[in-house]
Amino acid sequence: MSHTPDDPEQYVCESCQITHVGTPIHEPGTDFAEHDYEPPDACGACGGTSFVRIEEWAHHHE
């Protein structure tokens, strides 16, 4: 059986709307092939620190 790679989670910076790929994290006790993702600490473009998952962006309201 072949492995299908995960699509990484994407996050949108609330300040400048630049999209970032999440950092993969591996939780102890889970299958090595399974990953969770977390947003970056800060936006590389503007330095913002607030991110929204891309799937939630269209419904995001401040």
Protein backbone atom coordinates (compact mmCIF):
# COMPACT_ATOMS: atom_id res chain seq x y z
CA MET A 1 0.00 0.00 0.00
CA SER A 2 1.49 3.34 -0.99
CA HIS A 3 1.60 6.40 1.20
CA THR A 4 -0.30 9.52 0.15
CA PRO A 5 1.43 12.63 1.48
CA ASP A 6 -0.55 15.03 3.63
CA ASP A 7 -1.55 18.39 2.24
CA PRO A 8 -0.05 20.89 4.67
CA GLU A 9 -2.32 23.22 6.57
CA GLN A 10 -2.29 26.81 5.31
CA TYR A 11 -2.79 29.97 7.37
CA VAL A 12 -3.61 33.55 6.38
CA CYS A 13 -2.01 36.47 8.23
CA GLU A 14 -4.82 38.67 9.55
CA SER A 15 -2.70 41.81 9.09
CA CYS A 16 -1.51 41.52 5.48
CA GLN A 17 -3.35 38.45 4.11
CA ILE A 18 -0.15 36.63 3.09
CA THR A 19 -0.59 32.83 3.09
CA HIS A 20 1.83 30.67 5.08
CA VAL A 21 2.27 26.91 5.14
CA GLY A 22 1.99 25.50 8.65
CA THR A 23 4.89 23.89 10.45
CA PRO A 24 4.40 20.12 10.79
CA ILE A 25 4.39 18.80 14.33
CA HIS A 26 4.32 15.18 15.41
CA GLU A 27 2.35 14.30 18.50
CA PRO A 28 3.79 11.47 20.62
CA GLY A 29 1.76 8.29 20.44
CA THR A 30 0.38 8.94 16.93
CA ASP A 31 1.21 7.28 13.65
CA PHE A 32 4.48 8.69 12.25
CA ALA A 33 2.73 9.42 8.93
CA GLU A 34 0.13 11.64 10.64
CA HIS A 35 0.97 15.29 11.20
CA ASP A 36 -0.72 18.26 12.75
CA TYR A 37 0.29 21.72 11.67
CA GLU A 38 0.71 24.99 13.52
CA PRO A 39 0.95 28.54 12.19
CA PRO A 40 4.28 30.36 12.26
CA ASP A 41 5.18 32.49 15.28
CA ALA A 42 5.15 35.63 13.13
CA CYS A 43 4.41 36.60 9.54
CA GLY A 44 7.52 36.79 7.39
CA ALA A 45 6.12 39.76 5.48
CA CYS A 46 4.68 42.11 8.13
CA GLY A 47 5.57 40.58 11.51
CA GLY A 48 1.91 39.99 12.43
CA THR A 49 1.20 37.23 14.91
CA SER A 50 -2.47 36.46 14.30
CA PHE A 51 -3.38 33.78 11.75
CA VAL A 52 -6.58 32.14 10.50
CA ARG A 53 -6.76 28.71 8.85
CA ILE A 54 -7.31 29.19 5.12
CA GLU A 55 -10.52 27.11 5.22
CA GLU A 56 -11.95 29.58 7.74
CA TRP A 57 -10.75 32.75 5.99
CA ALA A 58 -13.91 33.37 3.94
CA HIS A 59 -16.02 33.22 7.11
CA HIS A 60 -13.60 35.13 9.33
CA HIS A 61 -14.85 38.39 10.81
CA GLU A 62 -13.03 40.65 13.21
